[in-house]
Amino acid sequence: MAKRFSKIKPFDKTNVSKIPKGKPIVYYLKSKANKGLYVGIAKKGRTQERLLEHLTKKSEKIPGAKKFQTLPFRSIKGAKQTEKRLIKKLNPKYNK
């Protein structure tokens, strides 16, 4: 069974606080027009903090990020492999 991203949600502190902390995730930040901006990874126990960094830290902020999706994993290894594959496939603007 193929894994799928969660439903698209507004990228704000309220929605970020609802993300479970118990598993590593791959997250996908999008513009208001659903254009892919950034694919990232957050380790188990740090999922909410990592996404909040994109909202609050000037050096981590992704300009135009208004929506996001998440994809949970059992292990960090699986999350890293999927992140690499998605960056290659989707070519988001802020991933280098």
N, C-alpha and C. Protein backbone atom coordinates (compact mmCIF):
# COMPACT_ATOMS: atom_id res chain seq x y z
N MET A 1 0.83 -1.18 0.00
CA MET A 1 0.00 0.00 0.00
C MET A 1 0.88 1.25 0.00
N ALA A 2 0.66 2.14 -0.94
CA ALA A 2 1.45 3.35 -1.05
C ALA A 2 1.02 4.37 0.00
N LYS A 3 2.01 5.05 0.55
CA LYS A 3 1.71 6.10 1.53
C LYS A 3 1.28 7.36 0.79
N ARG A 4 0.44 8.13 1.44
CA ARG A 4 -0.04 9.37 0.85
C ARG A 4 0.09 10.50 1.86
N PHE A 5 0.29 11.69 1.32
CA PHE A 5 0.33 12.87 2.17
C PHE A 5 -1.03 13.12 2.79
N SER A 6 -1.03 13.80 3.92
CA SER A 6 -2.27 14.21 4.57
C SER A 6 -2.98 15.24 3.69
N LYS A 7 -4.20 15.58 4.07
CA LYS A 7 -4.92 16.64 3.37
C LYS A 7 -4.16 17.95 3.51
N ILE A 8 -4.30 18.81 2.54
CA ILE A 8 -3.65 20.12 2.58
C ILE A 8 -4.30 20.95 3.68
N LYS A 9 -3.45 21.55 4.52
CA LYS A 9 -3.93 22.39 5.62
C LYS A 9 -3.25 23.75 5.55
N PRO A 10 -3.91 24.79 6.09
CA PRO A 10 -3.25 26.09 6.18
C PRO A 10 -1.99 25.98 7.06
N PHE A 11 -0.93 26.63 6.65
CA PHE A 11 0.34 26.58 7.37
C PHE A 11 0.33 27.65 8.45
N ASP A 12 -0.15 27.26 9.63
CA ASP A 12 -0.20 28.18 10.77
C ASP A 12 0.09 27.39 12.06
N LYS A 13 0.29 28.12 13.15
CA LYS A 13 0.66 27.49 14.43
C LYS A 13 -0.41 26.52 14.93
N THR A 14 -1.66 26.83 14.70
CA THR A 14 -2.75 25.95 15.17
C THR A 14 -2.68 24.59 14.50
N ASN A 15 -2.55 24.55 13.19
CA ASN A 15 -2.47 23.27 12.47
C ASN A 15 -1.17 22.54 12.74
N VAL A 16 -0.09 23.26 12.89
CA VAL A 16 1.19 22.62 13.19
C VAL A 16 1.14 21.95 14.56
N SER A 17 0.46 22.57 15.52
CA SER A 17 0.39 22.00 16.86
C SER A 17 -0.40 20.69 16.91
N LYS A 18 -1.17 20.39 15.88
CA LYS A 18 -1.98 19.17 15.83
C LYS A 18 -1.21 17.97 15.26
N ILE A 19 -0.01 18.18 14.76
CA ILE A 19 0.79 17.10 14.17
C ILE A 19 1.33 16.21 15.28
N PRO A 20 1.16 14.89 15.18
CA PRO A 20 1.70 13.98 16.20
C PRO A 20 3.23 14.06 16.25
N LYS A 21 3.77 13.95 17.46
CA LYS A 21 5.22 14.04 17.65
C LYS A 21 5.91 12.68 17.64
N GLY A 22 5.15 11.59 17.67
CA GLY A 22 5.71 10.27 17.89
C GLY A 22 6.38 9.59 16.73
N LYS A 23 6.32 10.17 15.53
CA LYS A 23 6.93 9.53 14.36
C LYS A 23 7.67 10.56 13.52
N PRO A 24 8.71 10.12 12.81
CA PRO A 24 9.35 11.04 11.86
C PRO A 24 8.37 11.35 10.73
N ILE A 25 8.48 12.54 10.15
CA ILE A 25 7.61 12.92 9.04
C ILE A 25 8.40 13.55 7.91
N VAL A 26 7.83 13.48 6.73
CA VAL A 26 8.24 14.29 5.60
C VAL A 26 7.14 15.31 5.44
N TYR A 27 7.51 16.57 5.27
CA TYR A 27 6.50 17.61 5.09
C TYR A 27 6.73 18.34 3.78
N TYR A 28 5.64 18.89 3.26
CA TYR A 28 5.65 19.55 1.96
C TYR A 28 4.98 20.91 2.13
N LEU A 29 5.74 21.98 1.96
CA LEU A 29 5.22 23.34 2.07
C LEU A 29 4.82 23.83 0.68
N LYS A 30 3.64 24.46 0.62
CA LYS A 30 3.10 24.92 -0.66
C LYS A 30 2.68 26.38 -0.58
N SER A 31 2.59 27.00 -1.76
CA SER A 31 2.11 28.37 -1.85
C SER A 31 0.59 28.39 -1.81
N LYS A 32 0.03 29.58 -1.79
CA LYS A 32 -1.43 29.73 -1.81
C LYS A 32 -2.04 29.06 -3.04
N ALA A 33 -1.31 29.07 -4.14
CA ALA A 33 -1.77 28.47 -5.41
C ALA A 33 -1.38 26.99 -5.53
N ASN A 34 -0.98 26.37 -4.41
CA ASN A 34 -0.58 24.95 -4.36
C ASN A 34 0.71 24.63 -5.10
N LYS A 35 1.54 25.62 -5.35
CA LYS A 35 2.84 25.37 -5.97
C LYS A 35 3.81 24.88 -4.90
N GLY A 36 4.51 23.79 -5.18
CA GLY A 36 5.45 23.22 -4.22
C GLY A 36 6.64 24.12 -3.98
N LEU A 37 6.91 24.42 -2.70
CA LEU A 37 8.02 25.30 -2.35
C LEU A 37 9.17 24.58 -1.65
N TYR A 38 8.84 23.59 -0.80
CA TYR A 38 9.90 22.97 0.00
C TYR A 38 9.44 21.61 0.50
N VAL A 39 10.33 20.63 0.44
CA VAL A 39 10.12 19.32 1.04
C VAL A 39 11.17 19.17 2.12
N GLY A 40 10.73 18.80 3.32
CA GLY A 40 11.65 18.65 4.43
C GLY A 40 11.34 17.43 5.26
N ILE A 41 12.19 17.21 6.25
CA ILE A 41 12.04 16.06 7.14
C ILE A 41 12.14 16.54 8.58
N ALA A 42 11.39 15.88 9.44
CA ALA A 42 11.46 16.17 10.88
C ALA A 42 11.57 14.84 11.62
N LYS A 43 12.51 14.79 12.55
CA LYS A 43 12.74 13.56 13.31
C LYS A 43 11.67 13.36 14.36
N LYS A 44 11.54 12.14 14.80
CA LYS A 44 10.60 11.77 15.86
C LYS A 44 10.82 12.68 17.08
N GLY A 45 9.74 13.22 17.61
CA GLY A 45 9.82 14.08 18.78
C GLY A 45 10.11 15.53 18.46
N ARG A 46 10.33 15.84 17.19
CA ARG A 46 10.69 17.22 16.81
C ARG A 46 9.84 17.71 15.63
N THR A 47 8.76 17.05 15.34
CA THR A 47 7.96 17.38 14.16
C THR A 47 7.37 18.78 14.23
N GLN A 48 6.72 19.10 15.33
CA GLN A 48 6.10 20.42 15.45
C GLN A 48 7.15 21.52 15.49
N GLU A 49 8.21 21.30 16.23
CA GLU A 49 9.26 22.32 16.35
C GLU A 49 9.89 22.65 15.00
N ARG A 50 10.11 21.62 14.19
CA ARG A 50 10.75 21.83 12.88
C ARG A 50 9.86 22.67 11.98
N LEU A 51 8.58 22.37 11.94
CA LEU A 51 7.66 23.17 11.11
C LEU A 51 7.52 24.59 11.65
N LEU A 52 7.50 24.75 12.96
CA LEU A 52 7.40 26.09 13.54
C LEU A 52 8.62 26.95 13.19
N GLU A 53 9.76 26.32 13.02
CA GLU A 53 10.95 27.07 12.61
C GLU A 53 10.72 27.77 11.27
N HIS A 54 9.98 27.13 10.39
CA HIS A 54 9.69 27.73 9.08
C HIS A 54 8.70 28.89 9.20
N LEU A 55 7.98 28.95 10.28
CA LEU A 55 7.04 30.06 10.50
C LEU A 55 7.68 31.22 11.25
N THR A 56 8.62 30.91 12.15
CA THR A 56 9.11 31.94 13.07
C THR A 56 10.56 32.39 12.88
N LYS A 57 11.45 31.50 12.50
CA LYS A 57 12.87 31.86 12.36
C LYS A 57 13.12 32.51 11.01
N LYS A 58 13.67 33.69 11.04
CA LYS A 58 13.92 34.41 9.79
C LYS A 58 14.82 33.61 8.85
N SER A 59 15.85 32.96 9.39
CA SER A 59 16.79 32.21 8.55
C SER A 59 16.19 30.93 7.98
N GLU A 60 15.12 30.42 8.57
CA GLU A 60 14.49 29.17 8.13
C GLU A 60 13.21 29.40 7.34
N LYS A 61 12.73 30.61 7.31
CA LYS A 61 11.43 30.92 6.71
C LYS A 61 11.41 30.62 5.21
N ILE A 62 10.31 30.03 4.76
CA ILE A 62 10.11 29.76 3.34
C ILE A 62 9.12 30.79 2.82
N PRO A 63 9.57 31.75 2.02
CA PRO A 63 8.67 32.81 1.53
C PRO A 63 7.48 32.25 0.75
N GLY A 64 6.30 32.71 1.09
CA GLY A 64 5.10 32.31 0.37
C GLY A 64 4.45 31.02 0.83
N ALA A 65 5.02 30.36 1.85
CA ALA A 65 4.45 29.10 2.34
C ALA A 65 3.14 29.38 3.07
N LYS A 66 2.03 28.92 2.51
CA LYS A 66 0.71 29.15 3.08
C LYS A 66 -0.03 27.86 3.42
N LYS A 67 0.45 26.72 2.87
CA LYS A 67 -0.21 25.43 3.09
C LYS A 67 0.86 24.38 3.31
N PHE A 68 0.44 23.26 3.92
CA PHE A 68 1.40 22.16 4.11
C PHE A 68 0.68 20.82 4.17
N GLN A 69 1.48 19.78 3.95
CA GLN A 69 1.02 18.39 4.05
C GLN A 69 2.11 17.61 4.77
N THR A 70 1.72 16.53 5.43
CA THR A 70 2.69 15.68 6.11
C THR A 70 2.51 14.23 5.71
N LEU A 71 3.58 13.48 5.89
CA LEU A 71 3.59 12.06 5.59
C LEU A 71 4.39 11.36 6.70
N PRO A 72 3.72 10.60 7.60
CA PRO A 72 4.44 9.96 8.72
C PRO A 72 5.17 8.68 8.30
N PHE A 73 6.22 8.36 9.04
CA PHE A 73 7.02 7.15 8.79
C PHE A 73 7.32 6.44 10.10
N ARG A 74 7.64 5.17 10.01
CA ARG A 74 8.03 4.39 11.19
C ARG A 74 9.48 4.67 11.58
N SER A 75 10.31 4.93 10.56
CA SER A 75 11.74 5.14 10.84
C SER A 75 12.25 6.37 10.10
N ILE A 76 13.31 6.93 10.62
CA ILE A 76 13.94 8.09 10.00
C ILE A 76 14.57 7.69 8.65
N LYS A 77 15.03 6.46 8.55
CA LYS A 77 15.63 5.98 7.30
C LYS A 77 14.63 6.04 6.15
N GLY A 78 13.42 5.55 6.37
CA GLY A 78 12.38 5.59 5.35
C GLY A 78 12.00 7.02 4.99
N ALA A 79 11.96 7.89 5.99
CA ALA A 79 11.62 9.29 5.75
C ALA A 79 12.70 9.96 4.90
N LYS A 80 13.96 9.70 5.20
CA LYS A 80 15.05 10.31 4.43
C LYS A 80 15.03 9.85 2.97
N GLN A 81 14.78 8.57 2.75
CA GLN A 81 14.73 8.05 1.38
C GLN A 81 13.59 8.70 0.60
N THR A 82 12.44 8.83 1.24
CA THR A 82 11.29 9.44 0.58
C THR A 82 11.52 10.92 0.32
N GLU A 83 12.13 11.61 1.28
CA GLU A 83 12.44 13.03 1.08
C GLU A 83 13.31 13.22 -0.16
N LYS A 84 14.37 12.44 -0.28
CA LYS A 84 15.26 12.54 -1.44
C LYS A 84 14.51 12.30 -2.75
N ARG A 85 13.68 11.25 -2.75
CA ARG A 85 12.92 10.90 -3.95
C ARG A 85 11.95 12.02 -4.32
N LEU A 86 11.27 12.59 -3.32
CA LEU A 86 10.30 13.67 -3.60
C LEU A 86 10.98 14.95 -4.10
N ILE A 87 12.13 15.27 -3.54
CA ILE A 87 12.86 16.46 -3.99
C ILE A 87 13.25 16.29 -5.45
N LYS A 88 13.72 15.12 -5.80
CA LYS A 88 14.11 14.85 -7.18
C LYS A 88 12.90 14.90 -8.12
N LYS A 89 11.79 14.33 -7.68
CA LYS A 89 10.58 14.25 -8.51
C LYS A 89 9.87 15.61 -8.63
N LEU A 90 9.71 16.31 -7.50
CA LEU A 90 8.90 17.54 -7.47
C LEU A 90 9.70 18.82 -7.74
N ASN A 91 11.01 18.77 -7.50
CA ASN A 91 11.89 19.92 -7.70
C ASN A 91 11.33 21.21 -7.08
N PRO A 92 11.10 21.21 -5.75
CA PRO A 92 10.56 22.40 -5.11
C PRO A 92 11.54 23.57 -5.18
N LYS A 93 10.99 24.76 -5.22
CA LYS A 93 11.75 25.99 -5.43
C LYS A 93 12.88 26.19 -4.41
N TYR A 94 12.65 25.89 -3.13
CA TYR A 94 13.64 26.18 -2.08
C TYR A 94 14.48 25.00 -1.66
N ASN A 95 14.38 23.86 -2.32
CA ASN A 95 15.29 22.75 -2.07
C ASN A 95 16.43 22.85 -3.07
N LYS A 96 17.64 22.73 -2.58
CA LYS A 96 18.80 22.84 -3.47
C LYS A 96 19.56 21.55 -3.53
